[in-house]
Amino acid sequence: MRPADKQILYLLLSFLTMVSGYLYLRYAYKVTDELPFAQEIVLIILGTLITVLITALLLNKQTAVEIEKEQGIKFLDLKAATYERLLDLIEQMSQCETFSEHQLTDLKFMTHRLAIVASPVVLNEYQSFLQVVKAISGDMSFADDQHPLHSALSNLTTKIREDLIGGVAPGGRYTVSQVDAMIRRNSEISNTLGRVRLRRREKGEGSGRADSSGKDS
């Protein structure tokens, strides 16, 4: 029986008890008017029955709320663990010069794990992320495609954040759009880390080759 049906049943039982108790009380007052303490005993019995039914109703409601809350916490933990596992997998693939078929298989199965726990918004954004991964993974590497990868990943992480904590923490001063913009900006900045040094090194190597060519000639 569903919790809602149980609550309705308890309410009906309480209502029937009160009505029947009232009718019986009227009858008992007339019948036991001359008996000592009879009316008081009737009132005690009636009050006890009503108290038991109301207490049972409240306990049932409290138990249902606690079970629902516990299930919600467990599902949120599972969801967060799945999202973290996805990000760890993308990080491992990004660090590899050439990622393996095993890692691609992990990513495929990660799609099915997300189908269990992710919200529709995350699933929709993950589909766009997969399109980007498909377009840049033809050479089995993300080495030369970090910018589109991180751009798509920043869009995905904003949706993951909204799914986990609603976009903005309680009491926050920022709107959802502001938080999204900050996440994307952080991704753009982090994607440029090391590029200046790399360009300088390439420039130095180019100058060295030019000097060598000049000496040879």
N, C-alpha and C. Protein backbone atom coordinates (compact mmCIF):
# COMPACT_ATOMS: atom_id res chain seq x y z
N MET A 1 0.84 -1.20 0.00
CA MET A 1 0.00 0.00 0.00
C MET A 1 0.88 1.25 0.00
N ARG A 2 0.52 2.22 -0.82
CA ARG A 2 1.29 3.45 -0.89
C ARG A 2 1.13 4.29 0.37
N PRO A 3 2.14 5.12 0.70
CA PRO A 3 2.03 5.97 1.91
C PRO A 3 0.81 6.88 1.88
N ALA A 4 0.47 7.41 0.71
CA ALA A 4 -0.70 8.30 0.62
C ALA A 4 -1.98 7.54 0.94
N ASP A 5 -2.06 6.29 0.46
CA ASP A 5 -3.25 5.48 0.75
C ASP A 5 -3.34 5.16 2.25
N LYS A 6 -2.17 4.91 2.87
CA LYS A 6 -2.18 4.64 4.31
C LYS A 6 -2.66 5.85 5.10
N GLN A 7 -2.23 7.03 4.68
CA GLN A 7 -2.65 8.24 5.38
C GLN A 7 -4.16 8.45 5.26
N ILE A 8 -4.68 8.22 4.06
CA ILE A 8 -6.13 8.35 3.87
C ILE A 8 -6.88 7.34 4.73
N LEU A 9 -6.34 6.12 4.81
CA LEU A 9 -6.98 5.09 5.63
C LEU A 9 -6.98 5.49 7.11
N TYR A 10 -5.85 6.01 7.59
CA TYR A 10 -5.79 6.45 8.99
C TYR A 10 -6.75 7.60 9.26
N LEU A 11 -6.87 8.51 8.31
CA LEU A 11 -7.81 9.63 8.48
C LEU A 11 -9.25 9.14 8.54
N LEU A 12 -9.58 8.18 7.68
CA LEU A 12 -10.93 7.62 7.69
C LEU A 12 -11.21 6.90 9.01
N LEU A 13 -10.22 6.15 9.47
CA LEU A 13 -10.40 5.45 10.75
C LEU A 13 -10.58 6.44 11.90
N SER A 14 -9.79 7.52 11.86
CA SER A 14 -9.93 8.54 12.91
C SER A 14 -11.30 9.20 12.87
N PHE A 15 -11.76 9.49 11.65
CA PHE A 15 -13.08 10.13 11.51
C PHE A 15 -14.19 9.20 11.99
N LEU A 16 -14.12 7.93 11.59
CA LEU A 16 -15.14 6.97 12.01
C LEU A 16 -15.11 6.77 13.52
N THR A 17 -13.91 6.75 14.09
CA THR A 17 -13.80 6.60 15.54
C THR A 17 -14.42 7.78 16.28
N MET A 18 -14.17 8.98 15.77
CA MET A 18 -14.72 10.17 16.41
C MET A 18 -16.24 10.20 16.32
N VAL A 19 -16.76 9.86 15.13
CA VAL A 19 -18.22 9.88 14.95
C VAL A 19 -18.88 8.81 15.81
N SER A 20 -18.33 7.59 15.72
CA SER A 20 -18.92 6.51 16.51
C SER A 20 -18.74 6.77 18.01
N GLY A 21 -17.60 7.37 18.37
CA GLY A 21 -17.38 7.70 19.77
C GLY A 21 -18.36 8.74 20.28
N TYR A 22 -18.66 9.72 19.42
CA TYR A 22 -19.63 10.75 19.81
C TYR A 22 -21.02 10.15 20.01
N LEU A 23 -21.41 9.28 19.05
CA LEU A 23 -22.73 8.65 19.17
C LEU A 23 -22.79 7.75 20.41
N TYR A 24 -21.69 7.01 20.61
CA TYR A 24 -21.67 6.13 21.78
C TYR A 24 -21.65 6.95 23.07
N LEU A 25 -20.98 8.10 23.04
CA LEU A 25 -20.91 8.94 24.22
C LEU A 25 -22.29 9.46 24.61
N ARG A 26 -23.05 9.87 23.62
CA ARG A 26 -24.41 10.33 23.91
C ARG A 26 -25.24 9.21 24.53
N TYR A 27 -25.07 8.02 23.94
CA TYR A 27 -25.82 6.88 24.48
C TYR A 27 -25.34 6.53 25.89
N ALA A 28 -24.02 6.55 26.09
CA ALA A 28 -23.46 6.17 27.40
C ALA A 28 -23.85 7.16 28.48
N TYR A 29 -23.95 8.44 28.11
CA TYR A 29 -24.34 9.43 29.10
C TYR A 29 -25.75 9.17 29.63
N LYS A 30 -26.59 8.70 28.73
CA LYS A 30 -27.98 8.45 29.15
C LYS A 30 -28.09 7.15 29.94
N VAL A 31 -27.34 6.13 29.46
CA VAL A 31 -27.45 4.82 30.10
C VAL A 31 -26.74 4.78 31.45
N THR A 32 -25.55 5.40 31.48
CA THR A 32 -24.72 5.31 32.70
C THR A 32 -24.80 6.55 33.57
N ASP A 33 -25.89 7.28 33.41
CA ASP A 33 -26.02 8.53 34.17
C ASP A 33 -26.03 8.28 35.67
N GLU A 34 -26.61 7.15 36.06
CA GLU A 34 -26.76 6.89 37.49
C GLU A 34 -25.60 6.07 38.06
N LEU A 35 -24.72 5.52 37.19
CA LEU A 35 -23.60 4.72 37.68
C LEU A 35 -22.44 5.63 38.07
N PRO A 36 -21.72 5.32 39.13
CA PRO A 36 -20.61 6.18 39.57
C PRO A 36 -19.39 6.07 38.64
N PHE A 37 -18.87 7.21 38.23
CA PHE A 37 -17.67 7.32 37.39
C PHE A 37 -17.82 6.67 36.02
N ALA A 38 -18.99 6.29 35.62
CA ALA A 38 -19.16 5.62 34.33
C ALA A 38 -18.87 6.57 33.17
N GLN A 39 -19.38 7.79 33.27
CA GLN A 39 -19.15 8.75 32.19
C GLN A 39 -17.66 9.09 32.06
N GLU A 40 -16.97 9.22 33.20
CA GLU A 40 -15.54 9.52 33.14
C GLU A 40 -14.75 8.40 32.48
N ILE A 41 -15.13 7.17 32.78
CA ILE A 41 -14.45 6.01 32.17
C ILE A 41 -14.67 6.00 30.67
N VAL A 42 -15.88 6.30 30.24
CA VAL A 42 -16.17 6.35 28.80
C VAL A 42 -15.31 7.41 28.12
N LEU A 43 -15.19 8.57 28.74
CA LEU A 43 -14.37 9.64 28.17
C LEU A 43 -12.89 9.22 28.07
N ILE A 44 -12.40 8.54 29.09
CA ILE A 44 -11.00 8.10 29.08
C ILE A 44 -10.75 7.11 27.94
N ILE A 45 -11.66 6.15 27.79
CA ILE A 45 -11.50 5.15 26.72
C ILE A 45 -11.55 5.82 25.35
N LEU A 46 -12.51 6.71 25.16
CA LEU A 46 -12.63 7.40 23.87
C LEU A 46 -11.39 8.25 23.59
N GLY A 47 -10.91 8.98 24.59
CA GLY A 47 -9.71 9.80 24.39
C GLY A 47 -8.48 8.97 24.08
N THR A 48 -8.38 7.80 24.73
CA THR A 48 -7.24 6.92 24.47
C THR A 48 -7.24 6.41 23.04
N LEU A 49 -8.41 6.01 22.55
CA LEU A 49 -8.51 5.51 21.17
C LEU A 49 -8.13 6.59 20.16
N ILE A 50 -8.64 7.79 20.36
CA ILE A 50 -8.33 8.88 19.44
C ILE A 50 -6.84 9.21 19.49
N THR A 51 -6.25 9.21 20.69
CA THR A 51 -4.82 9.51 20.83
C THR A 51 -3.97 8.47 20.13
N VAL A 52 -4.34 7.20 20.26
CA VAL A 52 -3.59 6.13 19.60
C VAL A 52 -3.63 6.28 18.09
N LEU A 53 -4.80 6.57 17.54
CA LEU A 53 -4.92 6.72 16.09
C LEU A 53 -4.15 7.92 15.58
N ILE A 54 -4.25 9.04 16.27
CA ILE A 54 -3.52 10.24 15.84
C ILE A 54 -2.01 10.02 15.93
N THR A 55 -1.56 9.37 17.01
CA THR A 55 -0.14 9.08 17.16
C THR A 55 0.36 8.16 16.06
N ALA A 56 -0.44 7.13 15.72
CA ALA A 56 -0.06 6.23 14.63
C ALA A 56 0.05 6.97 13.31
N LEU A 57 -0.88 7.90 13.07
CA LEU A 57 -0.85 8.68 11.83
C LEU A 57 0.40 9.54 11.76
N LEU A 58 0.75 10.20 12.87
CA LEU A 58 1.93 11.06 12.89
C LEU A 58 3.22 10.25 12.74
N LEU A 59 3.30 9.10 13.41
CA LEU A 59 4.48 8.26 13.30
C LEU A 59 4.65 7.73 11.89
N ASN A 60 3.56 7.36 11.26
CA ASN A 60 3.62 6.87 9.89
C ASN A 60 4.12 7.96 8.95
N LYS A 61 3.63 9.18 9.14
CA LYS A 61 4.06 10.31 8.32
C LYS A 61 5.54 10.60 8.55
N GLN A 62 5.97 10.58 9.80
CA GLN A 62 7.37 10.86 10.12
C GLN A 62 8.29 9.80 9.52
N THR A 63 7.88 8.54 9.60
CA THR A 63 8.68 7.46 9.04
C THR A 63 8.81 7.60 7.53
N ALA A 64 7.72 7.94 6.86
CA ALA A 64 7.75 8.11 5.41
C ALA A 64 8.69 9.25 5.01
N VAL A 65 8.65 10.34 5.76
CA VAL A 65 9.53 11.49 5.47
C VAL A 65 10.99 11.12 5.68
N GLU A 66 11.28 10.39 6.76
CA GLU A 66 12.66 10.00 7.05
C GLU A 66 13.19 9.05 5.98
N ILE A 67 12.37 8.11 5.55
CA ILE A 67 12.80 7.17 4.51
C ILE A 67 13.05 7.91 3.20
N GLU A 68 12.16 8.83 2.85
CA GLU A 68 12.34 9.61 1.62
C GLU A 68 13.60 10.46 1.69
N LYS A 69 13.86 11.05 2.85
CA LYS A 69 15.06 11.88 3.02
C LYS A 69 16.32 11.04 2.89
N GLU A 70 16.32 9.86 3.51
CA GLU A 70 17.49 8.99 3.44
C GLU A 70 17.74 8.52 2.01
N GLN A 71 16.68 8.19 1.30
CA GLN A 71 16.83 7.78 -0.10
C GLN A 71 17.37 8.92 -0.94
N GLY A 72 16.90 10.15 -0.67
CA GLY A 72 17.39 11.30 -1.41
C GLY A 72 18.87 11.54 -1.18
N ILE A 73 19.34 11.37 0.06
CA ILE A 73 20.76 11.56 0.37
C ILE A 73 21.61 10.50 -0.34
N LYS A 74 21.16 9.25 -0.30
CA LYS A 74 21.91 8.18 -0.96
C LYS A 74 21.96 8.40 -2.47
N PHE A 75 20.86 8.85 -3.06
CA PHE A 75 20.84 9.08 -4.50
C PHE A 75 21.76 10.25 -4.87
N LEU A 76 21.78 11.29 -4.03
CA LEU A 76 22.66 12.43 -4.28
C LEU A 76 24.13 12.01 -4.19
N ASP A 77 24.46 11.15 -3.22
CA ASP A 77 25.83 10.65 -3.11
C ASP A 77 26.22 9.84 -4.34
N LEU A 78 25.30 9.00 -4.81
CA LEU A 78 25.57 8.20 -6.00
C LEU A 78 25.76 9.10 -7.22
N LYS A 79 24.93 10.12 -7.32
CA LYS A 79 25.02 11.06 -8.45
C LYS A 79 26.36 11.80 -8.43
N ALA A 80 26.76 12.30 -7.26
CA ALA A 80 28.02 13.03 -7.15
C ALA A 80 29.21 12.12 -7.46
N ALA A 81 29.16 10.88 -6.99
CA ALA A 81 30.25 9.93 -7.26
C ALA A 81 30.35 9.63 -8.75
N THR A 82 29.22 9.52 -9.43
CA THR A 82 29.23 9.25 -10.87
C THR A 82 29.80 10.43 -11.64
N TYR A 83 29.40 11.63 -11.28
CA TYR A 83 29.95 12.82 -11.94
C TYR A 83 31.46 12.92 -11.71
N GLU A 84 31.89 12.66 -10.48
CA GLU A 84 33.33 12.72 -10.18
C GLU A 84 34.10 11.67 -10.97
N ARG A 85 33.51 10.51 -11.13
CA ARG A 85 34.16 9.45 -11.89
C ARG A 85 34.29 9.84 -13.36
N LEU A 86 33.29 10.52 -13.90
CA LEU A 86 33.36 11.00 -15.28
C LEU A 86 34.49 12.00 -15.45
N LEU A 87 34.59 12.96 -14.54
CA LEU A 87 35.65 13.98 -14.64
C LEU A 87 37.03 13.35 -14.48
N ASP A 88 37.16 12.36 -13.60
CA ASP A 88 38.44 11.66 -13.45
C ASP A 88 38.83 10.95 -14.74
N LEU A 89 37.86 10.35 -15.40
CA LEU A 89 38.14 9.64 -16.65
C LEU A 89 38.58 10.62 -17.74
N ILE A 90 37.90 11.76 -17.86
CA ILE A 90 38.30 12.75 -18.87
C ILE A 90 39.69 13.29 -18.55
N GLU A 91 39.99 13.48 -17.27
CA GLU A 91 41.32 13.96 -16.88
C GLU A 91 42.40 12.95 -17.27
N GLN A 92 42.15 11.67 -17.04
CA GLN A 92 43.12 10.64 -17.41
C GLN A 92 43.33 10.59 -18.92
N MET A 93 42.25 10.70 -19.67
CA MET A 93 42.37 10.67 -21.13
C MET A 93 43.11 11.90 -21.65
N SER A 94 42.93 13.04 -20.98
CA SER A 94 43.61 14.27 -21.42
C SER A 94 45.10 14.21 -21.14
N GLN A 95 45.49 13.48 -20.10
CA GLN A 95 46.90 13.40 -19.74
C GLN A 95 47.66 12.39 -20.57
N CYS A 96 46.95 11.53 -21.27
CA CYS A 96 47.61 10.52 -22.10
C CYS A 96 47.99 11.10 -23.46
N GLU A 97 49.18 10.72 -23.93
CA GLU A 97 49.55 11.14 -25.28
C GLU A 97 48.61 10.50 -26.29
N THR A 98 48.28 9.25 -26.05
CA THR A 98 47.30 8.54 -26.87
C THR A 98 46.46 7.69 -25.92
N PHE A 99 45.16 7.96 -25.86
CA PHE A 99 44.34 7.15 -24.94
C PHE A 99 43.97 5.83 -25.59
N SER A 100 43.62 4.89 -24.75
CA SER A 100 43.44 3.51 -25.19
C SER A 100 41.97 3.20 -25.49
N GLU A 101 41.78 2.05 -26.11
CA GLU A 101 40.42 1.57 -26.36
C GLU A 101 39.71 1.26 -25.05
N HIS A 102 40.49 0.85 -24.06
CA HIS A 102 39.91 0.57 -22.74
C HIS A 102 39.29 1.84 -22.15
N GLN A 103 39.96 2.96 -22.30
CA GLN A 103 39.42 4.22 -21.79
C GLN A 103 38.18 4.66 -22.57
N LEU A 104 38.19 4.42 -23.87
CA LEU A 104 37.00 4.73 -24.67
C LEU A 104 35.82 3.86 -24.23
N THR A 105 36.10 2.60 -23.91
CA THR A 105 35.04 1.72 -23.42
C THR A 105 34.50 2.21 -22.08
N ASP A 106 35.40 2.68 -21.22
CA ASP A 106 34.96 3.26 -19.94
C ASP A 106 34.05 4.46 -20.16
N LEU A 107 34.39 5.28 -21.15
CA LEU A 107 33.57 6.46 -21.44
C LEU A 107 32.20 6.04 -21.97
N LYS A 108 32.16 4.98 -22.77
CA LYS A 108 30.88 4.49 -23.29
C LYS A 108 29.99 3.99 -22.15
N PHE A 109 30.58 3.24 -21.22
CA PHE A 109 29.79 2.74 -20.09
C PHE A 109 29.42 3.87 -19.13
N MET A 110 30.25 4.90 -19.08
CA MET A 110 29.91 6.06 -18.26
C MET A 110 28.62 6.70 -18.76
N THR A 111 28.40 6.64 -20.06
CA THR A 111 27.15 7.16 -20.63
C THR A 111 25.94 6.46 -20.05
N HIS A 112 26.06 5.15 -19.86
CA HIS A 112 24.94 4.39 -19.29
C HIS A 112 24.78 4.67 -17.79
N ARG A 113 25.88 4.89 -17.10
CA ARG A 113 25.78 5.25 -15.68
C ARG A 113 25.08 6.60 -15.50
N LEU A 114 25.42 7.53 -16.37
CA LEU A 114 24.77 8.84 -16.30
C LEU A 114 23.28 8.74 -16.59
N ALA A 115 22.90 7.79 -17.44
CA ALA A 115 21.48 7.62 -17.76
C ALA A 115 20.67 7.24 -16.52
N ILE A 116 21.33 6.66 -15.52
CA ILE A 116 20.64 6.25 -14.31
C ILE A 116 20.44 7.41 -13.35
N VAL A 117 21.45 8.27 -13.20
CA VAL A 117 21.43 9.27 -12.12
C VAL A 117 21.33 10.71 -12.59
N ALA A 118 21.73 11.01 -13.81
CA ALA A 118 21.82 12.42 -14.24
C ALA A 118 20.44 13.01 -14.52
N SER A 119 20.34 14.31 -14.34
CA SER A 119 19.10 15.02 -14.66
C SER A 119 18.99 15.20 -16.18
N PRO A 120 17.79 15.47 -16.70
CA PRO A 120 17.63 15.68 -18.14
C PRO A 120 18.51 16.80 -18.68
N VAL A 121 18.72 17.86 -17.90
CA VAL A 121 19.56 18.97 -18.35
C VAL A 121 21.01 18.51 -18.53
N VAL A 122 21.50 17.71 -17.58
CA VAL A 122 22.87 17.19 -17.68
C VAL A 122 22.98 16.22 -18.86
N LEU A 123 22.00 15.38 -19.04
CA LEU A 123 22.02 14.43 -20.16
C LEU A 123 22.06 15.15 -21.50
N ASN A 124 21.31 16.22 -21.62
CA ASN A 124 21.29 16.99 -22.86
C ASN A 124 22.66 17.65 -23.11
N GLU A 125 23.25 18.22 -22.08
CA GLU A 125 24.57 18.85 -22.23
C GLU A 125 25.65 17.81 -22.46
N TYR A 126 25.50 16.64 -21.85
CA TYR A 126 26.47 15.57 -22.06
C TYR A 126 26.44 15.09 -23.50
N GLN A 127 25.29 15.13 -24.11
CA GLN A 127 25.19 14.77 -25.53
C GLN A 127 26.02 15.72 -26.38
N SER A 128 25.95 17.01 -26.09
CA SER A 128 26.78 17.99 -26.81
C SER A 128 28.26 17.75 -26.54
N PHE A 129 28.58 17.40 -25.30
CA PHE A 129 29.97 17.10 -24.95
C PHE A 129 30.48 15.89 -25.73
N LEU A 130 29.66 14.86 -25.86
CA LEU A 130 30.07 13.68 -26.62
C LEU A 130 30.30 14.01 -28.10
N GLN A 131 29.51 14.92 -28.64
CA GLN A 131 29.71 15.33 -30.04
C GLN A 131 31.08 15.98 -30.20
N VAL A 132 31.47 16.80 -29.24
CA VAL A 132 32.80 17.43 -29.29
C VAL A 132 33.89 16.37 -29.17
N VAL A 133 33.74 15.45 -28.22
CA VAL A 133 34.73 14.38 -28.04
C VAL A 133 34.84 13.54 -29.30
N LYS A 134 33.73 13.25 -29.91
CA LYS A 134 33.74 12.46 -31.15
C LYS A 134 34.50 13.19 -32.26
N ALA A 135 34.34 14.51 -32.32
CA ALA A 135 34.97 15.29 -33.39
C ALA A 135 36.48 15.42 -33.20
N ILE A 136 36.96 15.42 -31.95
CA ILE A 136 38.39 15.67 -31.71
C ILE A 136 39.17 14.42 -31.33
N SER A 137 38.52 13.28 -31.25
CA SER A 137 39.21 12.07 -30.78
C SER A 137 39.56 11.12 -31.92
N GLY A 138 39.54 11.62 -33.15
CA GLY A 138 39.86 10.74 -34.28
C GLY A 138 41.29 10.22 -34.23
N ASP A 139 42.22 11.02 -33.69
CA ASP A 139 43.62 10.60 -33.58
C ASP A 139 43.92 9.96 -32.24
N MET A 140 42.89 9.62 -31.47
CA MET A 140 43.03 8.98 -30.16
C MET A 140 43.85 9.84 -29.20
N SER A 141 43.66 11.15 -29.28
CA SER A 141 44.38 12.06 -28.40
C SER A 141 43.64 13.38 -28.30
N PHE A 142 43.76 14.02 -27.12
CA PHE A 142 43.21 15.36 -26.91
C PHE A 142 44.30 16.42 -26.88
N ALA A 143 45.53 16.02 -27.20
CA ALA A 143 46.68 16.91 -27.01
C ALA A 143 46.54 18.21 -27.79
N ASP A 144 46.07 18.14 -29.02
CA ASP A 144 45.97 19.33 -29.87
C ASP A 144 44.58 19.95 -29.86
N ASP A 145 43.71 19.46 -29.00
CA ASP A 145 42.32 19.93 -29.00
C ASP A 145 41.85 20.27 -27.58
N GLN A 146 42.74 20.83 -26.79
CA GLN A 146 42.40 21.14 -25.41
C GLN A 146 41.33 22.23 -25.30
N HIS A 147 41.40 23.23 -26.19
CA HIS A 147 40.44 24.34 -26.08
C HIS A 147 38.99 23.89 -26.30
N PRO A 148 38.67 23.20 -27.41
CA PRO A 148 37.27 22.75 -27.55
C PRO A 148 36.85 21.76 -26.47
N LEU A 149 37.80 20.95 -26.00
CA LEU A 149 37.48 19.98 -24.95
C LEU A 149 37.10 20.70 -23.66
N HIS A 150 37.93 21.66 -23.24
CA HIS A 150 37.66 22.36 -21.98
C HIS A 150 36.44 23.28 -22.10
N SER A 151 36.21 23.80 -23.28
CA SER A 151 35.01 24.64 -23.47
C SER A 151 33.74 23.80 -23.30
N ALA A 152 33.73 22.62 -23.93
CA ALA A 152 32.57 21.73 -23.78
C ALA A 152 32.46 21.21 -22.36
N LEU A 153 33.60 20.95 -21.73
CA LEU A 153 33.59 20.43 -20.36
C LEU A 153 33.09 21.49 -19.37
N SER A 154 33.42 22.75 -19.61
CA SER A 154 32.93 23.81 -18.72
C SER A 154 31.42 23.94 -18.81
N ASN A 155 30.87 23.80 -20.03
CA ASN A 155 29.41 23.82 -20.18
C ASN A 155 28.76 22.66 -19.43
N LEU A 156 29.42 21.50 -19.50
CA LEU A 156 28.88 20.32 -18.82
C LEU A 156 28.95 20.48 -17.30
N THR A 157 30.06 21.00 -16.80
CA THR A 157 30.21 21.13 -15.34
C THR A 157 29.23 22.15 -14.75
N THR A 158 28.86 23.17 -15.53
CA THR A 158 27.86 24.12 -15.02
C THR A 158 26.52 23.42 -14.81
N LYS A 159 26.16 22.53 -15.73
CA LYS A 159 24.90 21.79 -15.58
C LYS A 159 24.99 20.78 -14.44
N ILE A 160 26.17 20.18 -14.26
CA ILE A 160 26.36 19.26 -13.15
C ILE A 160 26.22 20.00 -11.82
N ARG A 161 26.80 21.19 -11.75
CA ARG A 161 26.69 21.99 -10.53
C ARG A 161 25.23 22.32 -10.22
N GLU A 162 24.48 22.73 -11.26
CA GLU A 162 23.07 23.04 -11.06
C GLU A 162 22.29 21.82 -10.59
N ASP A 163 22.68 20.65 -11.10
CA ASP A 163 21.97 19.43 -10.72
C ASP A 163 22.25 19.06 -9.26
N LEU A 164 23.47 19.32 -8.80
CA LEU A 164 23.85 18.93 -7.44
C LEU A 164 23.41 19.93 -6.38
N ILE A 165 23.61 21.23 -6.65
CA ILE A 165 23.32 22.22 -5.61
C ILE A 165 22.39 23.32 -6.09
N GLY A 166 21.80 23.17 -7.26
CA GLY A 166 20.85 24.16 -7.73
C GLY A 166 21.47 25.40 -8.33
N GLY A 167 22.74 25.34 -8.71
CA GLY A 167 23.38 26.46 -9.38
C GLY A 167 23.99 27.46 -8.42
N VAL A 168 23.29 27.84 -7.36
CA VAL A 168 23.79 28.84 -6.42
C VAL A 168 23.65 28.29 -5.01
N ALA A 169 24.69 28.44 -4.23
CA ALA A 169 24.63 27.98 -2.84
C ALA A 169 23.66 28.85 -2.05
N PRO A 170 23.04 28.30 -1.00
CA PRO A 170 22.10 29.09 -0.19
C PRO A 170 22.76 30.35 0.35
N GLY A 171 22.07 31.47 0.21
CA GLY A 171 22.60 32.73 0.69
C GLY A 171 23.64 33.35 -0.22
N GLY A 172 23.84 32.79 -1.42
CA GLY A 172 24.83 33.33 -2.34
C GLY A 172 24.40 34.66 -2.93
N ARG A 173 25.41 35.44 -3.36
CA ARG A 173 25.13 36.76 -3.92
C ARG A 173 25.05 36.72 -5.44
N TYR A 174 25.31 35.58 -6.04
CA TYR A 174 25.39 35.50 -7.48
C TYR A 174 24.20 34.74 -8.05
N THR A 175 23.83 35.13 -9.26
CA THR A 175 22.76 34.44 -9.96
C THR A 175 23.32 33.22 -10.68
N VAL A 176 22.42 32.40 -11.22
CA VAL A 176 22.85 31.20 -11.95
C VAL A 176 23.69 31.58 -13.16
N SER A 177 23.26 32.60 -13.91
CA SER A 177 23.99 33.03 -15.10
C SER A 177 25.38 33.55 -14.74
N GLN A 178 25.51 34.24 -13.61
CA GLN A 178 26.82 34.74 -13.18
C GLN A 178 27.75 33.59 -12.81
N VAL A 179 27.21 32.59 -12.13
CA VAL A 179 28.03 31.43 -11.78
C VAL A 179 28.47 30.69 -13.04
N ASP A 180 27.56 30.53 -14.02
CA ASP A 180 27.92 29.88 -15.28
C ASP A 180 29.04 30.64 -15.98
N ALA A 181 28.94 31.96 -16.01
CA ALA A 181 29.96 32.78 -16.67
C ALA A 181 31.31 32.64 -15.97
N MET A 182 31.31 32.58 -14.64
CA MET A 182 32.56 32.42 -13.90
C MET A 182 33.20 31.07 -14.19
N ILE A 183 32.39 30.02 -14.26
CA ILE A 183 32.92 28.69 -14.54
C ILE A 183 33.55 28.64 -15.92
N ARG A 184 32.87 29.21 -16.92
CA ARG A 184 33.41 29.22 -18.28
C ARG A 184 34.68 30.06 -18.36
N ARG A 185 34.70 31.20 -17.67
CA ARG A 185 35.89 32.06 -17.68
C ARG A 185 37.06 31.35 -17.02
N ASN A 186 36.82 30.67 -15.92
CA ASN A 186 37.90 29.92 -15.26
C ASN A 186 38.44 28.83 -16.17
N SER A 187 37.55 28.20 -16.93
CA SER A 187 37.98 27.16 -17.86
C SER A 187 38.85 27.75 -18.97
N GLU A 188 38.45 28.91 -19.48
CA GLU A 188 39.24 29.56 -20.53
C GLU A 188 40.63 29.94 -20.03
N ILE A 189 40.69 30.47 -18.82
CA ILE A 189 41.99 30.87 -18.26
C ILE A 189 42.87 29.65 -18.01
N SER A 190 42.29 28.61 -17.42
CA SER A 190 43.08 27.41 -17.13
C SER A 190 43.56 26.74 -18.41
N ASN A 191 42.81 26.90 -19.49
CA ASN A 191 43.19 26.29 -20.76
C ASN A 191 44.40 26.98 -21.37
N THR A 192 44.67 28.23 -20.98
CA THR A 192 45.82 28.97 -21.51
C THR A 192 47.08 28.78 -20.67
N LEU A 193 46.99 28.05 -19.57
CA LEU A 193 48.15 27.86 -18.70
C LEU A 193 49.25 27.12 -19.44
N GLY A 194 50.47 27.66 -19.41
CA GLY A 194 51.61 27.02 -20.06
C GLY A 194 51.77 27.36 -21.51
N ARG A 195 50.80 28.03 -22.12
CA ARG A 195 50.90 28.32 -23.55
C ARG A 195 51.97 29.36 -23.84
N VAL A 196 52.09 30.37 -22.97
CA VAL A 196 53.10 31.42 -23.19
C VAL A 196 54.49 30.81 -23.15
N ARG A 197 54.72 29.96 -22.17
CA ARG A 197 56.02 29.32 -22.05
C ARG A 197 56.29 28.43 -23.25
N LEU A 198 55.26 27.73 -23.72
CA LEU A 198 55.43 26.85 -24.87
C LEU A 198 55.75 27.66 -26.12
N ARG A 199 55.07 28.80 -26.30
CA ARG A 199 55.34 29.63 -27.47
C ARG A 199 56.76 30.20 -27.42
N ARG A 200 57.21 30.57 -26.22
CA ARG A 200 58.56 31.08 -26.08
C ARG A 200 59.59 30.01 -26.42
N ARG A 201 59.32 28.79 -25.97
CA ARG A 201 60.25 27.70 -26.26
C ARG A 201 60.30 27.41 -27.74
N GLU A 202 59.12 27.39 -28.39
CA GLU A 202 59.08 27.16 -29.83
C GLU A 202 59.78 28.28 -30.58
N LYS A 203 59.59 29.52 -30.09
CA LYS A 203 60.24 30.65 -30.72
C LYS A 203 61.76 30.56 -30.57
N GLY A 204 62.22 30.13 -29.38
CA GLY A 204 63.65 29.96 -29.16
C GLY A 204 64.23 28.88 -30.04
N GLU A 205 63.50 27.76 -30.19
CA GLU A 205 63.98 26.70 -31.06
C GLU A 205 64.04 27.16 -32.50
N GLY A 206 63.05 27.97 -32.91
CA GLY A 206 63.06 28.49 -34.27
C GLY A 206 64.22 29.43 -34.51
N SER A 207 64.55 30.27 -33.54
CA SER A 207 65.68 31.19 -33.67
C SER A 207 66.99 30.42 -33.72
N GLY A 208 67.07 29.35 -32.91
CA GLY A 208 68.28 28.54 -32.91
C GLY A 208 68.50 27.87 -34.24
N ARG A 209 67.43 27.37 -34.84
CA ARG A 209 67.57 26.74 -36.15
C ARG A 209 67.97 27.76 -37.21
N ALA A 210 67.43 28.98 -37.09
CA ALA A 210 67.78 30.02 -38.05
C ALA A 210 69.25 30.40 -37.93
N ASP A 211 69.76 30.49 -36.69
CA ASP A 211 71.17 30.82 -36.49
C ASP A 211 72.07 29.73 -37.04
N SER A 212 71.66 28.48 -36.86
CA SER A 212 72.45 27.36 -37.37
C SER A 212 72.51 27.38 -38.88
N SER A 213 71.39 27.70 -39.49
CA SER A 213 71.35 27.76 -40.95
C SER A 213 72.25 28.88 -41.46
N GLY A 214 72.27 30.02 -40.72
CA GLY A 214 73.10 31.14 -41.14
C GLY A 214 74.57 30.81 -41.05
N LYS A 215 74.98 30.08 -40.00
CA LYS A 215 76.38 29.72 -39.85
C LYS A 215 76.80 28.73 -40.93
N ASP A 216 75.90 27.77 -41.25
CA ASP A 216 76.23 26.78 -42.26
C ASP A 216 76.45 27.42 -43.61
N SER A 217 75.61 28.42 -43.91
CA SER A 217 75.75 29.07 -45.21
C SER A 217 77.01 29.95 -45.24
